[in-house]
Protein backbone atom coordinates (compact mmCIF):
# COMPACT_ATOMS: atom_id res chain seq x y z
CA UNK A 1 0.00 0.00 0.00
CA UNK A 2 1.42 3.42 -1.00
CA UNK A 3 1.75 6.24 1.53
CA UNK A 4 -0.97 8.19 -0.28
CA UNK A 5 -3.35 5.23 -0.17
CA UNK A 6 -2.50 4.60 3.46
CA UNK A 7 -3.20 8.24 4.39
CA UNK A 8 -6.51 8.11 2.53
CA UNK A 9 -7.54 4.90 4.32
CA UNK A 10 -6.66 6.40 7.70
CA UNK A 11 -8.64 9.55 6.88
CA UNK A 12 -11.69 7.49 5.91
CA UNK A 13 -11.38 5.45 9.11
CA UNK A 14 -11.08 8.65 11.18
CA UNK A 15 -14.11 10.26 9.53
CA UNK A 16 -16.22 7.14 9.96
CA UNK A 17 -15.18 6.93 13.61
CA UNK A 18 -16.13 10.58 14.20
CA UNK A 19 -19.55 10.00 12.65
CA UNK A 20 -20.12 6.87 14.74
CA UNK A 21 -19.11 8.69 17.92
CA UNK A 22 -21.52 11.51 17.08
CA UNK A 23 -24.28 8.98 16.47
CA UNK A 24 -23.64 7.26 19.81
CA UNK A 25 -23.80 10.60 21.63
CA UNK A 26 -27.15 11.53 20.09
CA UNK A 27 -28.77 8.09 20.09
CA UNK A 28 -27.88 7.61 23.77
CA UNK A 29 -29.91 10.74 24.56
CA UNK A 30 -32.66 10.85 21.91
CA UNK A 31 -33.01 7.23 20.88
CA UNK A 32 -32.39 5.76 17.44
CA UNK A 33 -35.72 6.61 15.84
CA UNK A 34 -35.65 10.23 17.02
CA UNK A 35 -32.12 10.89 15.76
CA UNK A 36 -31.62 12.09 12.18
CA UNK A 37 -28.58 11.95 9.90
CA UNK A 38 -28.70 15.76 9.76
CA UNK A 39 -28.30 15.92 13.54
CA UNK A 40 -25.52 13.34 13.46
CA UNK A 41 -23.67 15.35 10.81
CA UNK A 42 -24.07 18.54 12.85
CA UNK A 43 -22.77 16.76 15.95
CA UNK A 44 -19.78 15.56 13.91
CA UNK A 45 -19.21 19.11 12.60
CA UNK A 46 -19.77 18.31 8.94
CA UNK A 47 -22.37 18.74 6.21
CA UNK A 48 -25.03 16.06 5.91
CA UNK A 49 -23.88 15.39 2.35
CA UNK A 50 -20.38 14.65 3.66
CA UNK A 51 -21.80 12.04 6.02
CA UNK A 52 -23.26 10.18 3.04
CA UNK A 53 -19.78 9.82 1.58
CA UNK A 54 -19.04 7.41 4.42
CA UNK A 55 -22.39 5.77 5.23
CA UNK A 56 -25.44 4.86 3.17
CA UNK A 57 -27.95 5.90 5.84
CA UNK A 58 -28.65 5.88 9.58
CA UNK A 59 -29.13 2.10 9.62
CA UNK A 60 -25.67 1.69 8.08
CA UNK A 61 -24.15 3.83 10.83
CA UNK A 62 -25.80 1.71 13.50
CA UNK A 63 -24.70 -1.56 11.91
CA UNK A 64 -21.15 -0.23 11.57
CA UNK A 65 -21.10 0.52 15.31
CA UNK A 66 -22.26 -3.04 15.95
CA UNK A 67 -19.58 -4.40 13.61
CA UNK A 68 -16.91 -2.33 15.36
CA UNK A 69 -17.97 -3.75 18.71
CA UNK A 70 -18.00 -7.32 17.42
CA UNK A 71 -14.66 -6.96 15.62
CA UNK A 72 -13.06 -5.85 18.89
CA UNK A 73 -14.39 -9.00 20.56
CA UNK A 74 -13.46 -11.32 17.67
CA UNK A 75 -10.09 -9.86 16.80
CA UNK A 76 -8.29 -13.15 17.33
CA UNK A 77 -8.51 -16.45 15.48
CA UNK A 78 -10.07 -19.22 17.53
CA UNK A 79 -7.58 -22.06 17.94
CA UNK A 80 -8.73 -25.50 16.80
CA UNK A 81 -5.76 -27.21 18.45
CA UNK A 82 -8.07 -28.90 20.95
CA UNK A 83 -9.15 -32.38 22.04
CA UNK A 84 -12.74 -31.54 23.03
CA UNK A 85 -15.53 -29.12 22.17
CA UNK A 86 -15.25 -27.87 25.74
CA UNK A 87 -11.68 -26.75 25.02
CA UNK A 88 -12.84 -25.14 21.76
CA UNK A 89 -15.53 -23.18 23.59
CA UNK A 90 -12.92 -22.11 26.12
CA UNK A 91 -10.86 -20.66 23.26
CA UNK A 92 -13.94 -19.07 21.70
CA UNK A 93 -14.94 -17.58 25.05
CA UNK A 94 -11.46 -16.18 25.69
CA UNK A 95 -11.32 -14.42 22.30
CA UNK A 96 -14.75 -12.95 23.01
CA UNK A 97 -13.67 -11.61 26.39
CA UNK A 98 -14.79 -8.03 27.02
CA UNK A 99 -12.33 -5.21 26.60
CA UNK A 100 -12.36 -2.15 28.80
CA UNK A 101 -11.55 0.54 26.23
CA UNK A 102 -13.90 3.56 26.44
CA UNK A 103 -15.00 3.09 22.82
CA UNK A 104 -15.81 -0.59 23.37
CA UNK A 105 -17.79 0.12 26.53
CA UNK A 106 -19.80 2.92 24.86
CA UNK A 107 -20.59 0.67 21.91
CA UNK A 108 -21.71 -2.12 24.25
CA UNK A 109 -24.02 0.09 26.29
CA UNK A 110 -25.68 1.59 23.23
CA UNK A 111 -26.12 -1.76 21.50
CA UNK A 112 -27.53 -3.30 24.67
CA UNK A 113 -30.14 -0.52 24.71
CA UNK A 114 -30.96 -1.08 21.03
CA UNK A 115 -31.04 -4.89 21.12
CA UNK A 116 -34.87 -4.95 21.45
CA UNK A 117 -35.05 -3.07 18.14
CA UNK A 118 -32.82 -5.64 16.46
CA UNK A 119 -35.20 -8.32 17.71
CA UNK A 120 -38.46 -6.61 16.70
CA UNK A 121 -37.77 -4.23 13.79
CA UNK A 122 -37.74 -6.23 10.53
CA UNK A 123 -35.37 -3.95 8.60
CA UNK A 124 -32.84 -3.63 11.41
CA UNK A 125 -33.30 -7.30 12.32
CA UNK A 126 -32.45 -8.38 8.78
CA UNK A 127 -29.38 -6.15 8.71
CA UNK A 128 -28.25 -7.33 12.14
CA UNK A 129 -28.57 -10.96 11.10
CA UNK A 130 -26.67 -10.51 7.83
CA UNK A 131 -23.85 -8.36 9.19
CA UNK A 132 -23.45 -9.57 12.77
CA UNK A 133 -25.15 -12.91 13.46
CA UNK A 134 -24.54 -14.77 10.19
CA UNK A 135 -20.73 -14.29 10.25
CA UNK A 136 -20.64 -15.72 13.79
CA UNK A 137 -22.79 -18.71 12.82
CA UNK A 138 -20.71 -19.37 9.71
CA UNK A 139 -17.46 -19.25 11.68
CA UNK A 140 -18.73 -21.64 14.39
CA UNK A 141 -20.24 -24.03 11.83
CA UNK A 142 -16.92 -24.17 9.97
CA UNK A 143 -15.00 -24.81 13.19
CA UNK A 144 -17.40 -27.51 14.38
CA UNK A 145 -17.27 -29.24 10.97
CA UNK A 146 -13.49 -29.50 11.34
CA UNK A 147 -13.89 -30.91 14.85
CA UNK A 148 -16.45 -33.44 13.60
CA UNK A 149 -14.09 -34.55 10.83
CA UNK A 150 -11.41 -35.09 13.46
CA UNK A 151 -13.80 -37.19 15.55
CA UNK A 152 -13.95 -34.66 18.38
CA UNK A 153 -17.41 -33.12 18.03
CA UNK A 154 -20.61 -35.18 18.16
CA UNK A 155 -22.42 -35.72 14.87
CA UNK A 156 -25.18 -33.19 15.35
CA UNK A 157 -26.10 -30.76 12.57
CA UNK A 158 -23.55 -27.92 12.91
CA UNK A 159 -26.23 -25.41 11.92
CA UNK A 160 -28.29 -26.50 14.92
CA UNK A 161 -25.27 -26.44 17.23
CA UNK A 162 -24.14 -22.95 16.17
CA UNK A 163 -27.62 -21.57 16.75
CA UNK A 164 -27.87 -23.21 20.15
CA UNK A 165 -24.59 -21.58 21.16
CA UNK A 166 -25.63 -18.17 19.86
CA UNK A 167 -29.11 -18.29 21.41
CA UNK A 168 -27.59 -19.08 24.80
CA UNK A 169 -25.40 -15.98 24.58
CA UNK A 170 -28.16 -13.68 23.36
CA UNK A 171 -30.51 -15.06 26.01
CA UNK A 172 -28.14 -13.86 28.73
CA UNK A 173 -28.15 -10.38 27.16
CA UNK A 174 -31.95 -10.37 27.05
CA UNK A 175 -32.09 -11.17 30.78
CA UNK A 176 -29.93 -8.10 31.37
CA UNK A 177 -32.26 -5.95 29.25
CA UNK A 178 -35.27 -7.35 31.14
CA UNK A 179 -33.63 -6.23 34.40
CA UNK A 180 -33.07 -9.67 35.86
CA UNK A 181 -31.47 -8.56 39.16
CA UNK A 182 -29.17 -11.57 39.25
CA UNK A 183 -27.73 -10.77 35.82
CA UNK A 184 -27.92 -6.97 35.97
CA UNK A 185 -26.01 -6.76 39.25
CA UNK A 186 -23.84 -9.82 38.73
CA UNK A 187 -20.41 -9.83 40.29
CA UNK A 188 -17.32 -10.75 38.29
CA UNK A 189 -17.32 -14.06 40.17
CA UNK A 190 -20.88 -14.84 39.06
CA UNK A 191 -20.12 -13.91 35.43
CA UNK A 192 -17.11 -16.23 35.47
CA UNK A 193 -19.25 -19.02 36.97
CA UNK A 194 -21.92 -18.51 34.29
CA UNK A 195 -19.24 -18.61 31.61
CA UNK A 196 -17.75 -21.78 33.08
CA UNK A 197 -21.17 -23.46 33.19
CA UNK A 198 -21.85 -22.42 29.58
CA UNK A 199 -18.55 -23.92 28.43
CA UNK A 200 -18.68 -27.11 30.47
CA UNK A 201 -22.36 -28.01 30.07
CA UNK A 202 -22.61 -27.29 26.34
CA UNK A 203 -19.06 -28.38 25.57
CA UNK A 204 -19.38 -31.77 27.23
CA UNK A 205 -22.71 -32.35 25.52
CA UNK A 206 -21.22 -31.61 22.11
CA UNK A 207 -18.06 -33.67 22.55
CA UNK A 208 -18.15 -37.09 20.89
């Protein structure tokens, strides 16, 4: 990559980040539906037309924030050098461990607030599935297929297994949104115990 191309890529990344930060600031106060691209552009100190050079629309901004959050959690390759599905889930869980960067935490809080919309709004739900959920399912299905071929994972349909794993994770998030006091005020010790149970119970059940 040439220096000119590299500078251009960094500028695009910076502009997109500024727009996403502006969107988070406004959406956190006004809500997604009540926030307009014009307001986001104003918050980011740019013309609305400039915003559209970097994002198709407001939905695209929201999905890009979700993708940024997910990419931070899935920045590492999950090791398949394992002898059980339990060990694989341990690797998967460790690469999905939360970070404490301010950007990551802001993304998480906003997305947690908007999760009900992803579950009920058809347009956003479709986008969320295609850009966030499907890549996760595809990755896990590919990994489990390899483990089945090596005689490690049980011979269940990998599409069913990947969805069981994902639904368990999203179910925990829904409990938080529904103000389950045990989940909402969980200590680090409880979260670790829940993670251990998730890995051991599901992992042992999936191991051949």
